[in-house]
Amino acid sequence: MEKMSGVIAIALVTFLVINFLYSKVLRVYVKKEFGKKWLTIWGNKVYFWQSSIFVSSAGTFLIMYFFK
């Protein structure tokens, strides 16, 4: 059981790091291309975070799969 909790902790940290980096890079891109107002609209925020969670989940899955 200890090994499983370690794997879950590594996956969670990986997810958070990927999510943080992706959101920082994408936020700069969005502000440059669409302007500062784009992220103030609620629907756009949902789209932004939905894409961030999807990319983080896929990245975490791939990293965990390759380090398996």
N, C-alpha and C. Protein backbone atom coordinates (compact mmCIF):
# COMPACT_ATOMS: atom_id res chain seq x y z
N MET A 1 0.81 -1.19 0.00
CA MET A 1 0.00 0.00 0.00
C MET A 1 0.86 1.27 0.00
N GLU A 2 2.03 1.19 0.63
CA GLU A 2 2.93 2.35 0.64
C GLU A 2 3.38 2.72 -0.76
N LYS A 3 3.64 1.70 -1.57
CA LYS A 3 4.10 1.95 -2.93
C LYS A 3 3.01 2.66 -3.74
N MET A 4 1.76 2.26 -3.53
CA MET A 4 0.66 2.86 -4.27
C MET A 4 0.47 4.33 -3.88
N SER A 5 0.60 4.65 -2.61
CA SER A 5 0.44 6.03 -2.20
C SER A 5 1.59 6.90 -2.72
N GLY A 6 2.78 6.32 -2.86
CA GLY A 6 3.89 7.05 -3.45
C GLY A 6 3.66 7.35 -4.92
N VAL A 7 3.11 6.38 -5.63
CA VAL A 7 2.80 6.57 -7.05
C VAL A 7 1.73 7.63 -7.22
N ILE A 8 0.72 7.60 -6.37
CA ILE A 8 -0.34 8.60 -6.45
C ILE A 8 0.21 9.99 -6.14
N ALA A 9 1.10 10.09 -5.17
CA ALA A 9 1.69 11.38 -4.84
C ALA A 9 2.53 11.91 -6.00
N ILE A 10 3.30 11.04 -6.64
CA ILE A 10 4.10 11.46 -7.79
C ILE A 10 3.20 11.91 -8.94
N ALA A 11 2.12 11.17 -9.19
CA ALA A 11 1.18 11.53 -10.26
C ALA A 11 0.51 12.88 -9.96
N LEU A 12 0.15 13.10 -8.72
CA LEU A 12 -0.50 14.36 -8.34
C LEU A 12 0.45 15.55 -8.51
N VAL A 13 1.69 15.38 -8.08
CA VAL A 13 2.67 16.45 -8.22
C VAL A 13 2.95 16.72 -9.70
N THR A 14 3.05 15.66 -10.49
CA THR A 14 3.27 15.81 -11.92
C THR A 14 2.11 16.56 -12.57
N PHE A 15 0.89 16.19 -12.21
CA PHE A 15 -0.29 16.87 -12.73
C PHE A 15 -0.27 18.35 -12.39
N LEU A 16 0.03 18.68 -11.15
CA LEU A 16 0.03 20.07 -10.73
C LEU A 16 1.12 20.89 -11.42
N VAL A 17 2.30 20.30 -11.58
CA VAL A 17 3.40 21.01 -12.25
C VAL A 17 3.05 21.27 -13.72
N ILE A 18 2.54 20.25 -14.40
CA ILE A 18 2.17 20.43 -15.81
C ILE A 18 1.06 21.47 -15.93
N ASN A 19 0.08 21.39 -15.04
CA ASN A 19 -1.04 22.34 -15.07
C ASN A 19 -0.54 23.76 -14.83
N PHE A 20 0.34 23.94 -13.88
CA PHE A 20 0.87 25.28 -13.59
C PHE A 20 1.64 25.84 -14.78
N LEU A 21 2.54 25.04 -15.34
CA LEU A 21 3.34 25.51 -16.47
C LEU A 21 2.48 25.79 -17.69
N TYR A 22 1.53 24.91 -17.97
CA TYR A 22 0.66 25.10 -19.13
C TYR A 22 -0.20 26.35 -18.97
N SER A 23 -0.74 26.56 -17.78
CA SER A 23 -1.60 27.72 -17.58
C SER A 23 -0.80 29.02 -17.68
N LYS A 24 0.43 29.04 -17.19
CA LYS A 24 1.25 30.24 -17.30
C LYS A 24 1.57 30.56 -18.77
N VAL A 25 1.96 29.55 -19.52
CA VAL A 25 2.30 29.76 -20.93
C VAL A 25 1.06 30.15 -21.72
N LEU A 26 -0.04 29.46 -21.49
CA LEU A 26 -1.26 29.74 -22.24
C LEU A 26 -1.83 31.10 -21.87
N ARG A 27 -1.72 31.51 -20.63
CA ARG A 27 -2.24 32.81 -20.21
C ARG A 27 -1.51 33.95 -20.94
N VAL A 28 -0.19 33.82 -21.07
CA VAL A 28 0.59 34.83 -21.80
C VAL A 28 0.16 34.85 -23.27
N TYR A 29 -0.02 33.68 -23.85
CA TYR A 29 -0.44 33.60 -25.25
C TYR A 29 -1.82 34.23 -25.46
N VAL A 30 -2.76 33.91 -24.57
CA VAL A 30 -4.12 34.42 -24.69
C VAL A 30 -4.14 35.95 -24.55
N LYS A 31 -3.40 36.47 -23.60
CA LYS A 31 -3.36 37.93 -23.43
C LYS A 31 -2.77 38.61 -24.66
N LYS A 32 -1.78 37.98 -25.27
CA LYS A 32 -1.14 38.57 -26.45
C LYS A 32 -2.06 38.51 -27.67
N GLU A 33 -2.71 37.38 -27.89
CA GLU A 33 -3.52 37.19 -29.09
C GLU A 33 -4.93 37.76 -28.99
N PHE A 34 -5.57 37.63 -27.81
CA PHE A 34 -6.98 38.00 -27.69
C PHE A 34 -7.23 39.21 -26.82
N GLY A 35 -6.24 39.66 -26.09
CA GLY A 35 -6.41 40.81 -25.22
C GLY A 35 -6.73 40.40 -23.78
N LYS A 36 -6.60 41.36 -22.88
CA LYS A 36 -6.79 41.08 -21.46
C LYS A 36 -8.23 40.74 -21.10
N LYS A 37 -9.19 41.27 -21.87
CA LYS A 37 -10.60 41.05 -21.55
C LYS A 37 -11.06 39.62 -21.80
N TRP A 38 -10.36 38.88 -22.63
CA TRP A 38 -10.82 37.54 -23.01
C TRP A 38 -10.98 36.63 -21.81
N LEU A 39 -10.06 36.70 -20.86
CA LEU A 39 -10.13 35.81 -19.70
C LEU A 39 -11.05 36.33 -18.60
N THR A 40 -11.68 37.46 -18.80
CA THR A 40 -12.62 37.95 -17.78
C THR A 40 -14.03 37.40 -18.01
N ILE A 41 -14.29 36.85 -19.17
CA ILE A 41 -15.61 36.28 -19.47
C ILE A 41 -15.65 34.86 -18.92
N TRP A 42 -16.74 34.56 -18.20
CA TRP A 42 -16.84 33.29 -17.48
C TRP A 42 -16.73 32.09 -18.41
N GLY A 43 -17.38 32.12 -19.55
CA GLY A 43 -17.33 31.01 -20.50
C GLY A 43 -15.92 30.77 -21.02
N ASN A 44 -15.18 31.82 -21.23
CA ASN A 44 -13.80 31.67 -21.70
C ASN A 44 -12.90 31.10 -20.61
N LYS A 45 -13.17 31.46 -19.36
CA LYS A 45 -12.40 30.89 -18.25
C LYS A 45 -12.61 29.39 -18.16
N VAL A 46 -13.86 28.96 -18.35
CA VAL A 46 -14.16 27.52 -18.30
C VAL A 46 -13.40 26.81 -19.41
N TYR A 47 -13.41 27.36 -20.62
CA TYR A 47 -12.68 26.78 -21.74
C TYR A 47 -11.19 26.72 -21.44
N PHE A 48 -10.65 27.78 -20.88
CA PHE A 48 -9.23 27.85 -20.54
C PHE A 48 -8.84 26.75 -19.56
N TRP A 49 -9.60 26.61 -18.46
CA TRP A 49 -9.26 25.63 -17.44
C TRP A 49 -9.59 24.21 -17.89
N GLN A 50 -10.59 24.04 -18.74
CA GLN A 50 -10.90 22.72 -19.27
C GLN A 50 -9.74 22.22 -20.13
N SER A 51 -9.20 23.08 -20.97
CA SER A 51 -8.06 22.68 -21.79
C SER A 51 -6.83 22.43 -20.93
N SER A 52 -6.66 23.22 -19.89
CA SER A 52 -5.53 23.04 -18.99
C SER A 52 -5.60 21.69 -18.27
N ILE A 53 -6.76 21.34 -17.79
CA ILE A 53 -6.93 20.05 -17.10
C ILE A 53 -6.75 18.89 -18.07
N PHE A 54 -7.25 19.02 -19.29
CA PHE A 54 -7.09 17.96 -20.27
C PHE A 54 -5.62 17.73 -20.60
N VAL A 55 -4.89 18.79 -20.87
CA VAL A 55 -3.47 18.67 -21.21
C VAL A 55 -2.68 18.10 -20.03
N SER A 56 -2.99 18.55 -18.83
CA SER A 56 -2.30 18.06 -17.64
C SER A 56 -2.58 16.58 -17.40
N SER A 57 -3.82 16.17 -17.62
CA SER A 57 -4.17 14.75 -17.45
C SER A 57 -3.45 13.89 -18.48
N ALA A 58 -3.47 14.33 -19.72
CA ALA A 58 -2.80 13.57 -20.78
C ALA A 58 -1.29 13.51 -20.54
N GLY A 59 -0.69 14.64 -20.15
CA GLY A 59 0.74 14.66 -19.87
C GLY A 59 1.12 13.78 -18.70
N THR A 60 0.31 13.80 -17.65
CA THR A 60 0.57 12.96 -16.48
C THR A 60 0.46 11.49 -16.86
N PHE A 61 -0.56 11.15 -17.63
CA PHE A 61 -0.72 9.76 -18.07
C PHE A 61 0.49 9.29 -18.87
N LEU A 62 0.95 10.12 -19.81
CA LEU A 62 2.09 9.73 -20.63
C LEU A 62 3.37 9.60 -19.81
N ILE A 63 3.59 10.52 -18.91
CA ILE A 63 4.79 10.45 -18.07
C ILE A 63 4.76 9.22 -17.18
N MET A 64 3.61 8.95 -16.57
CA MET A 64 3.50 7.78 -15.69
C MET A 64 3.63 6.48 -16.50
N TYR A 65 3.11 6.49 -17.72
CA TYR A 65 3.20 5.30 -18.58
C TYR A 65 4.66 5.03 -18.98
N PHE A 66 5.38 6.08 -19.35
CA PHE A 66 6.77 5.88 -19.79
C PHE A 66 7.70 5.55 -18.63
N PHE A 67 7.40 6.03 -17.43
CA PHE A 67 8.25 5.70 -16.29
C PHE A 67 7.83 4.42 -15.58
N LYS A 68 6.80 3.80 -16.09
CA LYS A 68 6.33 2.53 -15.54
C LYS A 68 7.41 1.50 -15.70
